[in-house]
């Protein structure tokens, strides 16, 4: 996808082997309602963007106990996450997933958080905090680029 979403910003940093990454974009109006259902939709649409961005190569399996990203739906999981934790405030909706493992994770820990802030116009964010990649120095050119591509598709509204 070549089109950058309006107001696109992306940053990444590393500390003690952990990656923090955040992508942001603006929307002329909120894409979800400030409700629990809206917060869950942020997560659902992100997982759709993962599958679409990888042309179905990476598939998401959600259950009441876990979310797993798998190659062609097969084991082992590339990433394993806890089920969604949602938060809703007056002008903020968030859906977070705690990372618990998978073959791309050196160890469990860190979170993926999808956020919408604003009632008139909205800022949408995708943030990964405290993720410990197994790939080490290869994270940025491989997994980091894929994450940024998925985030760009998600924030551009391709799933909305």
C-alpha atoms as a PDB file:
ATOM      1  CA  UNK A   1       0.000   0.000   0.000  1.00  0.00           C
ATOM      2  CA  UNK A   2       1.614   3.262  -1.098  1.00  0.00           C
ATOM      3  CA  UNK A   3      -0.868   5.818   0.288  1.00  0.00           C
ATOM      4  CA  UNK A   4       0.040   7.140   3.710  1.00  0.00           C
ATOM      5  CA  UNK A   5      -2.843   7.952   6.032  1.00  0.00           C
ATOM      6  CA  UNK A   6      -3.423  11.625   6.859  1.00  0.00           C
ATOM      7  CA  UNK A   7      -1.129  12.784   9.670  1.00  0.00           C
ATOM      8  CA  UNK A   8       0.923   9.552   9.507  1.00  0.00           C
ATOM      9  CA  UNK A   9       3.661   9.341  12.125  1.00  0.00           C
ATOM     10  CA  UNK A  10       5.789   6.354  13.012  1.00  0.00           C
ATOM     11  CA  UNK A  11       8.497   5.895  15.609  1.00  0.00           C
ATOM     12  CA  UNK A  12      10.404   2.976  17.041  1.00  0.00           C
ATOM     13  CA  UNK A  13      12.870   2.655  19.888  1.00  0.00           C
ATOM     14  CA  UNK A  14      14.699  -0.104  21.725  1.00  0.00           C
ATOM     15  CA  UNK A  15      15.618  -0.388  25.360  1.00  0.00           C
ATOM     16  CA  UNK A  16      17.166  -3.375  27.106  1.00  0.00           C
ATOM     17  CA  UNK A  17      16.349  -5.594  24.111  1.00  0.00           C
ATOM     18  CA  UNK A  18      12.669  -4.598  24.076  1.00  0.00           C
ATOM     19  CA  UNK A  19      10.993  -2.784  21.203  1.00  0.00           C
ATOM     20  CA  UNK A  20       8.574   0.121  21.546  1.00  0.00           C
ATOM     21  CA  UNK A  21       6.795   1.161  18.378  1.00  0.00           C
ATOM     22  CA  UNK A  22       3.970   3.584  17.698  1.00  0.00           C
ATOM     23  CA  UNK A  23       2.155   4.574  14.534  1.00  0.00           C
ATOM     24  CA  UNK A  24      -0.451   7.367  14.422  1.00  0.00           C
ATOM     25  CA  UNK A  25      -2.828   8.854  11.889  1.00  0.00           C
ATOM     26  CA  UNK A  26      -5.741  11.253  11.823  1.00  0.00           C
ATOM     27  CA  UNK A  27      -9.327  10.556  10.825  1.00  0.00           C
ATOM     28  CA  UNK A  28     -11.846  13.292   9.959  1.00  0.00           C
ATOM     29  CA  UNK A  29     -14.305  11.505  12.249  1.00  0.00           C
ATOM     30  CA  UNK A  30     -14.190   8.691  14.794  1.00  0.00           C
ATOM     31  CA  UNK A  31     -14.145   5.223  13.218  1.00  0.00           C
ATOM     32  CA  UNK A  32     -15.750   3.465  16.202  1.00  0.00           C
ATOM     33  CA  UNK A  33     -18.236   4.541  18.841  1.00  0.00           C
ATOM     34  CA  UNK A  34     -16.914   5.162  22.371  1.00  0.00           C
ATOM     35  CA  UNK A  35     -18.359   1.882  23.664  1.00  0.00           C
ATOM     36  CA  UNK A  36     -17.069  -1.537  24.687  1.00  0.00           C
ATOM     37  CA  UNK A  37     -18.252  -2.828  21.295  1.00  0.00           C
ATOM     38  CA  UNK A  38     -16.345  -0.028  19.565  1.00  0.00           C
ATOM     39  CA  UNK A  39     -13.201  -0.908  21.500  1.00  0.00           C
ATOM     40  CA  UNK A  40     -13.513  -4.567  20.474  1.00  0.00           C
ATOM     41  CA  UNK A  41     -13.994  -3.465  16.864  1.00  0.00           C
ATOM     42  CA  UNK A  42     -10.584  -1.718  16.985  1.00  0.00           C
ATOM     43  CA  UNK A  43      -9.021  -5.102  17.744  1.00  0.00           C
ATOM     44  CA  UNK A  44     -11.100  -7.028  15.236  1.00  0.00           C
ATOM     45  CA  UNK A  45     -10.252  -4.630  12.406  1.00  0.00           C
ATOM     46  CA  UNK A  46      -6.555  -4.740  13.291  1.00  0.00           C
ATOM     47  CA  UNK A  47      -6.533  -8.539  13.005  1.00  0.00           C
ATOM     48  CA  UNK A  48      -8.319  -8.224   9.641  1.00  0.00           C
ATOM     49  CA  UNK A  49      -5.558  -5.834   8.526  1.00  0.00           C
ATOM     50  CA  UNK A  50      -2.924  -8.411   9.559  1.00  0.00           C
ATOM     51  CA  UNK A  51      -4.541 -11.092   7.407  1.00  0.00           C
ATOM     52  CA  UNK A  52      -5.124  -8.754   4.459  1.00  0.00           C
ATOM     53  CA  UNK A  53      -1.615  -7.259   4.591  1.00  0.00           C
ATOM     54  CA  UNK A  54      -0.061 -10.720   4.457  1.00  0.00           C
ATOM     55  CA  UNK A  55      -2.459 -11.915   1.725  1.00  0.00           C
ATOM     56  CA  UNK A  56      -3.758 -14.570   4.114  1.00  0.00           C
ATOM     57  CA  UNK A  57      -0.323 -16.011   4.848  1.00  0.00           C
ATOM     58  CA  UNK A  58      -0.664 -14.980   8.515  1.00  0.00           C
ATOM     59  CA  UNK A  59      -4.012 -15.905   9.993  1.00  0.00           C
ATOM     60  CA  UNK A  60      -5.465 -14.912  13.318  1.00  0.00           C
ATOM     61  CA  UNK A  61      -7.114 -17.414  15.615  1.00  0.00           C
ATOM     62  CA  UNK A  62      -9.160 -15.891  18.435  1.00  0.00           C
ATOM     63  CA  UNK A  63     -10.656 -17.812  21.320  1.00  0.00           C
ATOM     64  CA  UNK A  64     -11.793 -16.953  24.825  1.00  0.00           C
ATOM     65  CA  UNK A  65      -8.339 -17.907  26.141  1.00  0.00           C
ATOM     66  CA  UNK A  66      -5.951 -16.481  23.533  1.00  0.00           C
ATOM     67  CA  UNK A  67      -5.259 -14.768  20.249  1.00  0.00           C
ATOM     68  CA  UNK A  68      -2.712 -16.493  18.042  1.00  0.00           C
ATOM     69  CA  UNK A  69      -1.097 -15.416  14.800  1.00  0.00           C
ATOM     70  CA  UNK A  70      -0.202 -18.472  12.732  1.00  0.00           C
ATOM     71  CA  UNK A  71       1.322 -19.123   9.309  1.00  0.00           C
ATOM     72  CA  UNK A  72      -1.523 -20.474   7.159  1.00  0.00           C
ATOM     73  CA  UNK A  73      -3.380 -21.185  10.407  1.00  0.00           C
ATOM     74  CA  UNK A  74      -0.892 -23.893  11.408  1.00  0.00           C
ATOM     75  CA  UNK A  75       1.040 -24.328  14.646  1.00  0.00           C
ATOM     76  CA  UNK A  76       3.226 -23.128  16.193  1.00  0.00           C
ATOM     77  CA  UNK A  77       1.975 -19.606  16.778  1.00  0.00           C
ATOM     78  CA  UNK A  78       4.091 -16.742  15.490  1.00  0.00           C
ATOM     79  CA  UNK A  79       2.714 -14.659  18.349  1.00  0.00           C
ATOM     80  CA  UNK A  80       0.422 -15.567  21.223  1.00  0.00           C
ATOM     81  CA  UNK A  81      -1.520 -12.907  23.071  1.00  0.00           C
ATOM     82  CA  UNK A  82      -4.058 -12.777  25.854  1.00  0.00           C
ATOM     83  CA  UNK A  83      -7.660 -11.938  24.916  1.00  0.00           C
ATOM     84  CA  UNK A  84      -8.553  -8.284  24.451  1.00  0.00           C
ATOM     85  CA  UNK A  85      -8.724  -5.925  27.390  1.00  0.00           C
ATOM     86  CA  UNK A  86     -10.820  -2.877  26.515  1.00  0.00           C
ATOM     87  CA  UNK A  87     -11.132   0.551  28.070  1.00  0.00           C
ATOM     88  CA  UNK A  88     -13.633   3.298  27.283  1.00  0.00           C
ATOM     89  CA  UNK A  89     -13.629   6.893  28.482  1.00  0.00           C
ATOM     90  CA  UNK A  90     -15.487   9.965  27.258  1.00  0.00           C
ATOM     91  CA  UNK A  91     -13.254  10.619  24.226  1.00  0.00           C
ATOM     92  CA  UNK A  92     -10.940   7.584  24.276  1.00  0.00           C
ATOM     93  CA  UNK A  93     -11.442   3.959  23.263  1.00  0.00           C
ATOM     94  CA  UNK A  94      -8.687   1.353  23.580  1.00  0.00           C
ATOM     95  CA  UNK A  95      -8.209  -2.346  22.939  1.00  0.00           C
ATOM     96  CA  UNK A  96      -5.049  -3.967  24.368  1.00  0.00           C
ATOM     97  CA  UNK A  97      -3.529  -7.413  24.036  1.00  0.00           C
ATOM     98  CA  UNK A  98      -0.752  -8.656  26.321  1.00  0.00           C
ATOM     99  CA  UNK A  99       1.917 -10.600  24.437  1.00  0.00           C
ATOM    100  CA  UNK A 100       2.553 -13.963  26.103  1.00  0.00           C
ATOM    101  CA  UNK A 101       4.793 -15.800  23.629  1.00  0.00           C
ATOM    102  CA  UNK A 102       5.138 -17.307  20.181  1.00  0.00           C
ATOM    103  CA  UNK A 103       8.135 -18.141  18.016  1.00  0.00           C
ATOM    104  CA  UNK A 104       8.733 -14.454  17.170  1.00  0.00           C
ATOM    105  CA  UNK A 105       8.929 -13.521  20.857  1.00  0.00           C
ATOM    106  CA  UNK A 106      12.117 -14.134  22.824  1.00  0.00           C
ATOM    107  CA  UNK A 107       9.912 -14.169  25.921  1.00  0.00           C
ATOM    108  CA  UNK A 108       6.441 -13.135  27.004  1.00  0.00           C
ATOM    109  CA  UNK A 109       5.819  -9.533  27.891  1.00  0.00           C
ATOM    110  CA  UNK A 110       4.772  -6.350  26.231  1.00  0.00           C
ATOM    111  CA  UNK A 111       1.489  -5.154  24.823  1.00  0.00           C
ATOM    112  CA  UNK A 112      -0.215  -4.263  21.574  1.00  0.00           C
ATOM    113  CA  UNK A 113      -2.654  -1.374  22.087  1.00  0.00           C
ATOM    114  CA  UNK A 114      -5.062   0.060  19.527  1.00  0.00           C
ATOM    115  CA  UNK A 115      -6.502   3.442  20.491  1.00  0.00           C
ATOM    116  CA  UNK A 116      -8.880   6.073  19.176  1.00  0.00           C
ATOM    117  CA  UNK A 117      -8.852   9.518  20.813  1.00  0.00           C
ATOM    118  CA  UNK A 118     -11.342  12.270  19.979  1.00  0.00           C
ATOM    119  CA  UNK A 119     -15.051  12.816  19.438  1.00  0.00           C
ATOM    120  CA  UNK A 120     -15.120  15.199  16.449  1.00  0.00           C
ATOM    121  CA  UNK A 121     -11.937  14.286  14.628  1.00  0.00           C
ATOM    122  CA  UNK A 122      -9.972  11.301  15.842  1.00  0.00           C
ATOM    123  CA  UNK A 123      -6.398  10.230  16.233  1.00  0.00           C
ATOM    124  CA  UNK A 124      -5.870   6.509  15.751  1.00  0.00           C
ATOM    125  CA  UNK A 125      -2.831   4.792  17.255  1.00  0.00           C
ATOM    126  CA  UNK A 126      -1.159   1.413  17.107  1.00  0.00           C
ATOM    127  CA  UNK A 127       1.393   0.947  19.879  1.00  0.00           C
ATOM    128  CA  UNK A 128       3.629  -1.975  20.773  1.00  0.00           C
ATOM    129  CA  UNK A 129       5.393  -1.525  24.104  1.00  0.00           C
ATOM    130  CA  UNK A 130       7.948  -3.787  25.757  1.00  0.00           C
ATOM    131  CA  UNK A 131       8.019  -6.495  23.064  1.00  0.00           C
ATOM    132  CA  UNK A 132      11.096  -8.756  23.168  1.00  0.00           C
ATOM    133  CA  UNK A 133      11.688  -9.985  19.603  1.00  0.00           C
ATOM    134  CA  UNK A 134      13.524 -13.232  19.032  1.00  0.00           C
ATOM    135  CA  UNK A 135      14.985 -11.826  15.810  1.00  0.00           C
ATOM    136  CA  UNK A 136      17.133  -9.269  17.633  1.00  0.00           C
ATOM    137  CA  UNK A 137      18.915  -7.068  15.093  1.00  0.00           C
ATOM    138  CA  UNK A 138      16.819  -8.511  12.255  1.00  0.00           C
ATOM    139  CA  UNK A 139      13.622  -7.222  13.881  1.00  0.00           C
ATOM    140  CA  UNK A 140      13.704  -3.773  12.210  1.00  0.00           C
ATOM    141  CA  UNK A 141      14.244  -4.890   8.589  1.00  0.00           C
ATOM    142  CA  UNK A 142      11.848  -7.845   8.797  1.00  0.00           C
ATOM    143  CA  UNK A 143       9.218  -7.925  11.513  1.00  0.00           C
ATOM    144  CA  UNK A 144       9.319  -4.175  12.188  1.00  0.00           C
ATOM    145  CA  UNK A 145       8.661  -3.384   8.521  1.00  0.00           C
ATOM    146  CA  UNK A 146       5.757  -5.851   8.418  1.00  0.00           C
ATOM    147  CA  UNK A 147       4.275  -4.332  11.582  1.00  0.00           C
ATOM    148  CA  UNK A 148       4.537  -0.816  10.113  1.00  0.00           C
ATOM    149  CA  UNK A 149       2.903  -1.998   6.879  1.00  0.00           C
ATOM    150  CA  UNK A 150      -0.011  -3.592   8.752  1.00  0.00           C
ATOM    151  CA  UNK A 151      -0.386  -0.462  10.878  1.00  0.00           C
ATOM    152  CA  UNK A 152      -0.374   1.764   7.786  1.00  0.00           C
ATOM    153  CA  UNK A 153      -3.157  -0.316   6.190  1.00  0.00           C
ATOM    154  CA  UNK A 154      -5.155  -0.330   9.427  1.00  0.00           C
ATOM    155  CA  UNK A 155      -4.762   3.415  10.014  1.00  0.00           C
ATOM    156  CA  UNK A 156      -5.516   4.279   6.384  1.00  0.00           C
ATOM    157  CA  UNK A 157      -9.006   2.941   6.954  1.00  0.00           C
ATOM    158  CA  UNK A 158      -8.761   0.002   4.587  1.00  0.00           C
ATOM    159  CA  UNK A 159     -10.577  -2.134   7.141  1.00  0.00           C
ATOM    160  CA  UNK A 160     -13.172   0.432   8.208  1.00  0.00           C
END
